[in-house]
């Protein structure tokens, strides 16, 4: 089973909010997902990303491939999490 890390759109009309999910490559974007990894809110300034990096790394090691947009969001989230000091 080829899996993809992609965005699943939720939220109201003209107020998009996304979940970052792991899903089978051949399923529809709104269908069942394998795992939820986090959320992405593009309406906040700067855009807010909440992600479980442990599960993300687990899925990447299993061979899940991110889409172009989700890969860009993951890169930005990693950069932001590395720049913020640990509490």
PDB file of N, CA and C in Angstrom:
ATOM      1  N   UNK A   1       0.846  -1.173   0.000  1.00  0.00           N
ATOM      2  CA  UNK A   1       0.000   0.000   0.000  1.00  0.00           C
ATOM      3  C   UNK A   1       0.892   1.237   0.000  1.00  0.00           C
ATOM      4  N   UNK A   2       0.782   2.064  -1.028  1.00  0.00           N
ATOM      5  CA  UNK A   2       1.534   3.316  -1.109  1.00  0.00           C
ATOM      6  C   UNK A   2       0.792   4.384  -0.317  1.00  0.00           C
ATOM      7  N   UNK A   3       1.477   4.984   0.626  1.00  0.00           N
ATOM      8  CA  UNK A   3       0.838   6.007   1.453  1.00  0.00           C
ATOM      9  C   UNK A   3       1.428   7.369   1.154  1.00  0.00           C
ATOM     10  N   UNK A   4       0.586   8.391   1.317  1.00  0.00           N
ATOM     11  CA  UNK A   4       0.979   9.774   1.085  1.00  0.00           C
ATOM     12  C   UNK A   4       0.659  10.592   2.328  1.00  0.00           C
ATOM     13  N   UNK A   5       1.495  11.566   2.599  1.00  0.00           N
ATOM     14  CA  UNK A   5       1.212  12.551   3.642  1.00  0.00           C
ATOM     15  C   UNK A   5       0.645  13.753   2.898  1.00  0.00           C
ATOM     16  N   UNK A   6      -0.607  14.090   3.186  1.00  0.00           N
ATOM     17  CA  UNK A   6      -1.265  15.154   2.436  1.00  0.00           C
ATOM     18  C   UNK A   6      -2.176  15.967   3.328  1.00  0.00           C
ATOM     19  N   UNK A   7      -2.749  17.018   2.745  1.00  0.00           N
ATOM     20  CA  UNK A   7      -3.653  17.901   3.475  1.00  0.00           C
ATOM     21  C   UNK A   7      -5.094  17.468   3.228  1.00  0.00           C
ATOM     22  N   UNK A   8      -5.886  17.504   4.298  1.00  0.00           N
ATOM     23  CA  UNK A   8      -7.310  17.217   4.190  1.00  0.00           C
ATOM     24  C   UNK A   8      -8.047  18.482   4.605  1.00  0.00           C
ATOM     25  N   UNK A   9      -8.798  19.066   3.672  1.00  0.00           N
ATOM     26  CA  UNK A   9      -9.467  20.336   3.931  1.00  0.00           C
ATOM     27  C   UNK A   9     -10.688  20.137   4.806  1.00  0.00           C
ATOM     28  N   UNK A  10     -10.762  20.939   5.865  1.00  0.00           N
ATOM     29  CA  UNK A  10     -11.947  20.991   6.709  1.00  0.00           C
ATOM     30  C   UNK A  10     -12.229  22.458   6.953  1.00  0.00           C
ATOM     31  N   UNK A  11     -13.286  22.782   7.625  1.00  0.00           N
ATOM     32  CA  UNK A  11     -13.600  24.178   7.886  1.00  0.00           C
ATOM     33  C   UNK A  11     -14.725  24.668   7.003  1.00  0.00           C
ATOM     34  N   UNK A  12     -15.142  25.886   7.260  1.00  0.00           N
ATOM     35  CA  UNK A  12     -16.282  26.462   6.560  1.00  0.00           C
ATOM     36  C   UNK A  12     -15.876  27.018   5.196  1.00  0.00           C
ATOM     37  N   UNK A  13     -16.878  27.398   4.432  1.00  0.00           N
ATOM     38  CA  UNK A  13     -16.667  27.992   3.126  1.00  0.00           C
ATOM     39  C   UNK A  13     -15.853  29.281   3.273  1.00  0.00           C
ATOM     40  N   UNK A  14     -14.825  29.432   2.453  1.00  0.00           N
ATOM     41  CA  UNK A  14     -13.910  30.580   2.466  1.00  0.00           C
ATOM     42  C   UNK A  14     -13.166  30.735   3.790  1.00  0.00           C
ATOM     43  N   UNK A  15     -13.112  29.684   4.584  1.00  0.00           N
ATOM     44  CA  UNK A  15     -12.369  29.696   5.840  1.00  0.00           C
ATOM     45  C   UNK A  15     -11.702  28.327   6.001  1.00  0.00           C
ATOM     46  N   UNK A  16     -10.774  28.068   5.111  1.00  0.00           N
ATOM     47  CA  UNK A  16     -10.152  26.747   5.060  1.00  0.00           C
ATOM     48  C   UNK A  16      -9.288  26.486   6.287  1.00  0.00           C
ATOM     49  N   UNK A  17      -9.281  25.246   6.705  1.00  0.00           N
ATOM     50  CA  UNK A  17      -8.460  24.744   7.792  1.00  0.00           C
ATOM     51  C   UNK A  17      -8.078  23.334   7.374  1.00  0.00           C
ATOM     52  N   UNK A  18      -6.842  22.937   7.580  1.00  0.00           N
ATOM     53  CA  UNK A  18      -6.383  21.666   7.047  1.00  0.00           C
ATOM     54  C   UNK A  18      -5.871  20.749   8.147  1.00  0.00           C
ATOM     55  N   UNK A  19      -6.084  19.457   7.953  1.00  0.00           N
ATOM     56  CA  UNK A  19      -5.450  18.427   8.765  1.00  0.00           C
ATOM     57  C   UNK A  19      -4.334  17.828   7.927  1.00  0.00           C
ATOM     58  N   UNK A  20      -3.223  17.553   8.563  1.00  0.00           N
ATOM     59  CA  UNK A  20      -2.129  16.865   7.892  1.00  0.00           C
ATOM     60  C   UNK A  20      -2.308  15.382   8.222  1.00  0.00           C
ATOM     61  N   UNK A  21      -2.548  14.577   7.182  1.00  0.00           N
ATOM     62  CA  UNK A  21      -2.936  13.187   7.383  1.00  0.00           C
ATOM     63  C   UNK A  21      -2.068  12.250   6.543  1.00  0.00           C
ATOM     64  N   UNK A  22      -2.082  10.985   6.942  1.00  0.00           N
ATOM     65  CA  UNK A  22      -1.477   9.915   6.150  1.00  0.00           C
ATOM     66  C   UNK A  22      -2.637   9.119   5.564  1.00  0.00           C
ATOM     67  N   UNK A  23      -2.632   8.972   4.238  1.00  0.00           N
ATOM     68  CA  UNK A  23      -3.721   8.259   3.570  1.00  0.00           C
ATOM     69  C   UNK A  23      -3.166   7.420   2.429  1.00  0.00           C
ATOM     70  N   UNK A  24      -3.951   6.448   2.014  1.00  0.00           N
ATOM     71  CA  UNK A  24      -3.586   5.635   0.866  1.00  0.00           C
ATOM     72  C   UNK A  24      -3.562   6.531  -0.368  1.00  0.00           C
ATOM     73  N   UNK A  25      -2.609   6.314  -1.233  1.00  0.00           N
ATOM     74  CA  UNK A  25      -2.409   7.159  -2.400  1.00  0.00           C
ATOM     75  C   UNK A  25      -3.610   7.152  -3.352  1.00  0.00           C
ATOM     76  N   UNK A  26      -4.341   6.058  -3.418  1.00  0.00           N
ATOM     77  CA  UNK A  26      -5.407   5.918  -4.404  1.00  0.00           C
ATOM     78  C   UNK A  26      -6.779   6.348  -3.898  1.00  0.00           C
ATOM     79  N   UNK A  27      -6.903   6.745  -2.623  1.00  0.00           N
ATOM     80  CA  UNK A  27      -8.209   7.121  -2.097  1.00  0.00           C
ATOM     81  C   UNK A  27      -8.512   8.587  -2.374  1.00  0.00           C
ATOM     82  N   UNK A  28      -9.778   8.935  -2.281  1.00  0.00           N
ATOM     83  CA  UNK A  28     -10.206  10.317  -2.472  1.00  0.00           C
ATOM     84  C   UNK A  28      -9.715  11.183  -1.318  1.00  0.00           C
ATOM     85  N   UNK A  29      -9.517  12.491  -1.545  1.00  0.00           N
ATOM     86  CA  UNK A  29      -9.011  13.360  -0.489  1.00  0.00           C
ATOM     87  C   UNK A  29      -9.889  13.431   0.755  1.00  0.00           C
ATOM     88  N   UNK A  30     -11.173  13.231   0.622  1.00  0.00           N
ATOM     89  CA  UNK A  30     -12.059  13.324   1.781  1.00  0.00           C
ATOM     90  C   UNK A  30     -12.399  11.961   2.385  1.00  0.00           C
ATOM     91  N   UNK A  31     -11.734  10.909   1.926  1.00  0.00           N
ATOM     92  CA  UNK A  31     -12.063   9.569   2.419  1.00  0.00           C
ATOM     93  C   UNK A  31     -11.305   9.252   3.708  1.00  0.00           C
ATOM     94  N   UNK A  32     -11.406   7.998   4.127  1.00  0.00           N
ATOM     95  CA  UNK A  32     -10.774   7.541   5.360  1.00  0.00           C
ATOM     96  C   UNK A  32      -9.264   7.747   5.321  1.00  0.00           C
ATOM     97  N   UNK A  33      -8.703   8.082   6.479  1.00  0.00           N
ATOM     98  CA  UNK A  33      -7.263   8.275   6.574  1.00  0.00           C
ATOM     99  C   UNK A  33      -6.664   7.208   7.484  1.00  0.00           C
ATOM    100  N   UNK A  34      -5.360   7.005   7.352  1.00  0.00           N
ATOM    101  CA  UNK A  34      -4.665   6.020   8.155  1.00  0.00           C
ATOM    102  C   UNK A  34      -4.273   6.620   9.507  1.00  0.00           C
ATOM    103  N   UNK A  35      -3.779   7.877   9.494  1.00  0.00           N
ATOM    104  CA  UNK A  35      -3.304   8.509  10.722  1.00  0.00           C
ATOM    105  C   UNK A  35      -3.381  10.028  10.588  1.00  0.00           C
ATOM    106  N   UNK A  36      -3.626  10.701  11.701  1.00  0.00           N
ATOM    107  CA  UNK A  36      -3.623  12.163  11.749  1.00  0.00           C
ATOM    108  C   UNK A  36      -2.300  12.621  12.339  1.00  0.00           C
ATOM    109  N   UNK A  37      -1.620  13.539  11.653  1.00  0.00           N
ATOM    110  CA  UNK A  37      -0.315  14.003  12.114  1.00  0.00           C
ATOM    111  C   UNK A  37      -0.348  15.409  12.696  1.00  0.00           C
ATOM    112  N   UNK A  38      -1.305  16.222  12.283  1.00  0.00           N
ATOM    113  CA  UNK A  38      -1.343  17.578  12.809  1.00  0.00           C
ATOM    114  C   UNK A  38      -2.351  18.440  12.074  1.00  0.00           C
ATOM    115  N   UNK A  39      -2.242  19.755  12.291  1.00  0.00           N
ATOM    116  CA  UNK A  39      -3.148  20.709  11.660  1.00  0.00           C
ATOM    117  C   UNK A  39      -2.364  21.874  11.061  1.00  0.00           C
ATOM    118  N   UNK A  40      -3.005  22.566  10.117  1.00  0.00           N
ATOM    119  CA  UNK A  40      -2.418  23.724   9.451  1.00  0.00           C
ATOM    120  C   UNK A  40      -3.525  24.760   9.273  1.00  0.00           C
ATOM    121  N   UNK A  41      -3.296  25.965   9.824  1.00  0.00           N
ATOM    122  CA  UNK A  41      -4.270  27.052   9.715  1.00  0.00           C
ATOM    123  C   UNK A  41      -3.630  28.204   8.946  1.00  0.00           C
ATOM    124  N   UNK A  42      -3.956  28.364   7.649  1.00  0.00           N
ATOM    125  CA  UNK A  42      -3.314  29.401   6.843  1.00  0.00           C
ATOM    126  C   UNK A  42      -3.833  30.812   7.117  1.00  0.00           C
ATOM    127  N   UNK A  43      -4.909  30.961   7.875  1.00  0.00           N
ATOM    128  CA  UNK A  43      -5.502  32.272   8.092  1.00  0.00           C
ATOM    129  C   UNK A  43      -4.849  33.059   9.210  1.00  0.00           C
ATOM    130  N   UNK A  44      -4.083  32.408  10.050  1.00  0.00           N
ATOM    131  CA  UNK A  44      -3.383  33.124  11.111  1.00  0.00           C
ATOM    132  C   UNK A  44      -2.119  33.748  10.533  1.00  0.00           C
ATOM    133  N   UNK A  45      -1.626  34.777  11.202  1.00  0.00           N
ATOM    134  CA  UNK A  45      -0.431  35.458  10.719  1.00  0.00           C
ATOM    135  C   UNK A  45       0.654  35.371  11.775  1.00  0.00           C
ATOM    136  N   UNK A  46       1.697  34.603  11.618  1.00  0.00           N
ATOM    137  CA  UNK A  46       2.019  33.683  10.524  1.00  0.00           C
ATOM    138  C   UNK A  46       1.158  32.423  10.592  1.00  0.00           C
ATOM    139  N   UNK A  47       1.060  31.679   9.491  1.00  0.00           N
ATOM    140  CA  UNK A  47       0.244  30.460   9.497  1.00  0.00           C
ATOM    141  C   UNK A  47       0.648  29.518  10.624  1.00  0.00           C
ATOM    142  N   UNK A  48      -0.353  28.945  11.285  1.00  0.00           N
ATOM    143  CA  UNK A  48      -0.113  28.093  12.445  1.00  0.00           C
ATOM    144  C   UNK A  48      -0.063  26.631  12.034  1.00  0.00           C
ATOM    145  N   UNK A  49       1.003  25.957  12.469  1.00  0.00           N
ATOM    146  CA  UNK A  49       1.170  24.531  12.198  1.00  0.00           C
ATOM    147  C   UNK A  49       1.392  23.817  13.521  1.00  0.00           C
ATOM    148  N   UNK A  50       0.575  22.808  13.785  1.00  0.00           N
ATOM    149  CA  UNK A  50       0.754  21.941  14.951  1.00  0.00           C
ATOM    150  C   UNK A  50       0.961  20.540  14.410  1.00  0.00           C
ATOM    151  N   UNK A  51       2.085  19.920  14.814  1.00  0.00           N
ATOM    152  CA  UNK A  51       2.406  18.629  14.224  1.00  0.00           C
ATOM    153  C   UNK A  51       3.120  17.733  15.229  1.00  0.00           C
ATOM    154  N   UNK A  52       2.849  16.435  15.119  1.00  0.00           N
ATOM    155  CA  UNK A  52       3.527  15.436  15.933  1.00  0.00           C
ATOM    156  C   UNK A  52       4.710  14.917  15.117  1.00  0.00           C
ATOM    157  N   UNK A  53       5.901  15.444  15.404  1.00  0.00           N
ATOM    158  CA  UNK A  53       7.086  15.105  14.610  1.00  0.00           C
ATOM    159  C   UNK A  53       7.544  13.668  14.822  1.00  0.00           C
ATOM    160  N   UNK A  54       7.257  13.086  15.967  1.00  0.00           N
ATOM    161  CA  UNK A  54       7.641  11.692  16.214  1.00  0.00           C
ATOM    162  C   UNK A  54       6.878  10.763  15.268  1.00  0.00           C
ATOM    163  N   UNK A  55       5.555  10.961  15.197  1.00  0.00           N
ATOM    164  CA  UNK A  55       4.750  10.124  14.282  1.00  0.00           C
ATOM    165  C   UNK A  55       5.082  10.433  12.828  1.00  0.00           C
ATOM    166  N   UNK A  56       5.378  11.711  12.524  1.00  0.00           N
ATOM    167  CA  UNK A  56       5.763  12.074  11.164  1.00  0.00           C
ATOM    168  C   UNK A  56       7.028  11.332  10.746  1.00  0.00           C
ATOM    169  N   UNK A  57       8.048  11.342  11.592  1.00  0.00           N
ATOM    170  CA  UNK A  57       9.291  10.641  11.274  1.00  0.00           C
ATOM    171  C   UNK A  57       9.068   9.137  11.150  1.00  0.00           C
ATOM    172  N   UNK A  58       8.153   8.608  11.978  1.00  0.00           N
ATOM    173  CA  UNK A  58       7.816   7.186  11.898  1.00  0.00           C
ATOM    174  C   UNK A  58       7.230   6.841  10.533  1.00  0.00           C
ATOM    175  N   UNK A  59       6.307   7.660  10.049  1.00  0.00           N
ATOM    176  CA  UNK A  59       5.684   7.398   8.751  1.00  0.00           C
ATOM    177  C   UNK A  59       6.668   7.609   7.603  1.00  0.00           C
ATOM    178  N   UNK A  60       7.535   8.603   7.719  1.00  0.00           N
ATOM    179  CA  UNK A  60       8.529   8.815   6.677  1.00  0.00           C
ATOM    180  C   UNK A  60       9.500   7.632   6.604  1.00  0.00           C
ATOM    181  N   UNK A  61       9.847   7.058   7.763  1.00  0.00           N
ATOM    182  CA  UNK A  61      10.732   5.896   7.759  1.00  0.00           C
ATOM    183  C   UNK A  61      10.043   4.658   7.177  1.00  0.00           C
ATOM    184  N   UNK A  62       8.722   4.610   7.273  1.00  0.00           N
ATOM    185  CA  UNK A  62       7.963   3.489   6.696  1.00  0.00           C
ATOM    186  C   UNK A  62       7.786   3.634   5.191  1.00  0.00           C
ATOM    187  N   UNK A  63       8.116   4.818   4.632  1.00  0.00           N
ATOM    188  CA  UNK A  63       8.038   4.996   3.190  1.00  0.00           C
ATOM    189  C   UNK A  63       6.922   5.900   2.708  1.00  0.00           C
ATOM    190  N   UNK A  64       6.220   6.576   3.613  1.00  0.00           N
ATOM    191  CA  UNK A  64       5.175   7.504   3.190  1.00  0.00           C
ATOM    192  C   UNK A  64       5.829   8.721   2.536  1.00  0.00           C
ATOM    193  N   UNK A  65       5.266   9.164   1.411  1.00  0.00           N
ATOM    194  CA  UNK A  65       5.838  10.307   0.705  1.00  0.00           C
ATOM    195  C   UNK A  65       4.901  11.509   0.823  1.00  0.00           C
ATOM    196  N   UNK A  66       5.436  12.675   1.193  1.00  0.00           N
ATOM    197  CA  UNK A  66       4.586  13.853   1.296  1.00  0.00           C
ATOM    198  C   UNK A  66       4.306  14.472  -0.074  1.00  0.00           C
ATOM    199  N   UNK A  67       3.150  15.113  -0.205  1.00  0.00           N
ATOM    200  CA  UNK A  67       2.859  15.871  -1.412  1.00  0.00           C
ATOM    201  C   UNK A  67       3.711  17.140  -1.397  1.00  0.00           C
ATOM    202  N   UNK A  68       3.719  17.884  -2.496  1.00  0.00           N
ATOM    203  CA  UNK A  68       4.547  19.090  -2.575  1.00  0.00           C
ATOM    204  C   UNK A  68       4.163  20.099  -1.498  1.00  0.00           C
ATOM    205  N   UNK A  69       2.877  20.361  -1.359  1.00  0.00           N
ATOM    206  CA  UNK A  69       2.411  21.358  -0.392  1.00  0.00           C
ATOM    207  C   UNK A  69       2.672  20.900   1.040  1.00  0.00           C
ATOM    208  N   UNK A  70       2.385  19.637   1.335  1.00  0.00           N
ATOM    209  CA  UNK A  70       2.622  19.164   2.700  1.00  0.00           C
ATOM    210  C   UNK A  70       4.111  19.118   3.018  1.00  0.00           C
ATOM    211  N   UNK A  71       4.958  18.834   2.028  1.00  0.00           N
ATOM    212  CA  UNK A  71       6.401  18.841   2.259  1.00  0.00           C
ATOM    213  C   UNK A  71       6.887  20.251   2.597  1.00  0.00           C
ATOM    214  N   UNK A  72       6.345  21.247   1.921  1.00  0.00           N
ATOM    215  CA  UNK A  72       6.723  22.637   2.210  1.00  0.00           C
ATOM    216  C   UNK A  72       6.281  23.036   3.618  1.00  0.00           C
ATOM    217  N   UNK A  73       5.089  22.623   4.021  1.00  0.00           N
ATOM    218  CA  UNK A  73       4.581  22.939   5.356  1.00  0.00           C
ATOM    219  C   UNK A  73       5.419  22.230   6.419  1.00  0.00           C
ATOM    220  N   UNK A  74       5.806  20.998   6.158  1.00  0.00           N
ATOM    221  CA  UNK A  74       6.633  20.243   7.101  1.00  0.00           C
ATOM    222  C   UNK A  74       7.992  20.912   7.272  1.00  0.00           C
ATOM    223  N   UNK A  75       8.601  21.348   6.161  1.00  0.00           N
ATOM    224  CA  UNK A  75       9.894  22.039   6.243  1.00  0.00           C
ATOM    225  C   UNK A  75       9.796  23.301   7.092  1.00  0.00           C
ATOM    226  N   UNK A  76       8.747  24.100   6.861  1.00  0.00           N
ATOM    227  CA  UNK A  76       8.568  25.333   7.636  1.00  0.00           C
ATOM    228  C   UNK A  76       8.312  25.030   9.108  1.00  0.00           C
ATOM    229  N   UNK A  77       7.540  24.001   9.392  1.00  0.00           N
ATOM    230  CA  UNK A  77       7.235  23.641  10.778  1.00  0.00           C
ATOM    231  C   UNK A  77       8.487  23.167  11.508  1.00  0.00           C
ATOM    232  N   UNK A  78       9.327  22.396  10.825  1.00  0.00           N
ATOM    233  CA  UNK A  78      10.573  21.949  11.445  1.00  0.00           C
ATOM    234  C   UNK A  78      11.491  23.127  11.731  1.00  0.00           C
ATOM    235  N   UNK A  79      11.541  24.079  10.792  1.00  0.00           N
ATOM    236  CA  UNK A  79      12.375  25.250  10.971  1.00  0.00           C
ATOM    237  C   UNK A  79      11.890  26.086  12.147  1.00  0.00           C
ATOM    238  N   UNK A  80      10.567  26.243  12.264  1.00  0.00           N
ATOM    239  CA  UNK A  80       9.998  27.007  13.362  1.00  0.00           C
ATOM    240  C   UNK A  80      10.201  26.301  14.696  1.00  0.00           C
ATOM    241  N   UNK A  81      10.043  24.980  14.726  1.00  0.00           N
ATOM    242  CA  UNK A  81      10.217  24.262  15.981  1.00  0.00           C
ATOM    243  C   UNK A  81      11.672  24.253  16.426  1.00  0.00           C
ATOM    244  N   UNK A  82      12.605  24.297  15.485  1.00  0.00           N
ATOM    245  CA  UNK A  82      14.029  24.333  15.833  1.00  0.00           C
ATOM    246  C   UNK A  82      14.432  25.712  16.345  1.00  0.00           C
ATOM    247  N   UNK A  83      13.776  26.770  15.853  1.00  0.00           N
ATOM    248  CA  UNK A  83      14.135  28.119  16.262  1.00  0.00           C
ATOM    249  C   UNK A  83      13.519  28.530  17.599  1.00  0.00           C
ATOM    250  N   UNK A  84      12.413  27.897  18.000  1.00  0.00           N
ATOM    251  CA  UNK A  84      11.806  28.237  19.286  1.00  0.00           C
ATOM    252  C   UNK A  84      12.496  27.477  20.409  1.00  0.00           C
ATOM    253  N   UNK A  85      12.801  28.145  21.503  1.00  0.00           N
ATOM    254  CA  UNK A  85      13.496  27.463  22.600  1.00  0.00           C
ATOM    255  C   UNK A  85      12.567  26.473  23.312  1.00  0.00           C
ATOM    256  N   UNK A  86      13.148  25.381  23.764  1.00  0.00           N
ATOM    257  CA  UNK A  86      12.372  24.373  24.502  1.00  0.00           C
ATOM    258  C   UNK A  86      12.064  24.896  25.888  1.00  0.00           C
ATOM    259  N   UNK A  87      10.855  24.664  26.331  1.00  0.00           N
ATOM    260  CA  UNK A  87      10.440  25.164  27.651  1.00  0.00           C
ATOM    261  C   UNK A  87      10.622  24.124  28.723  1.00  0.00           C
TER     262      UNK A  87
END
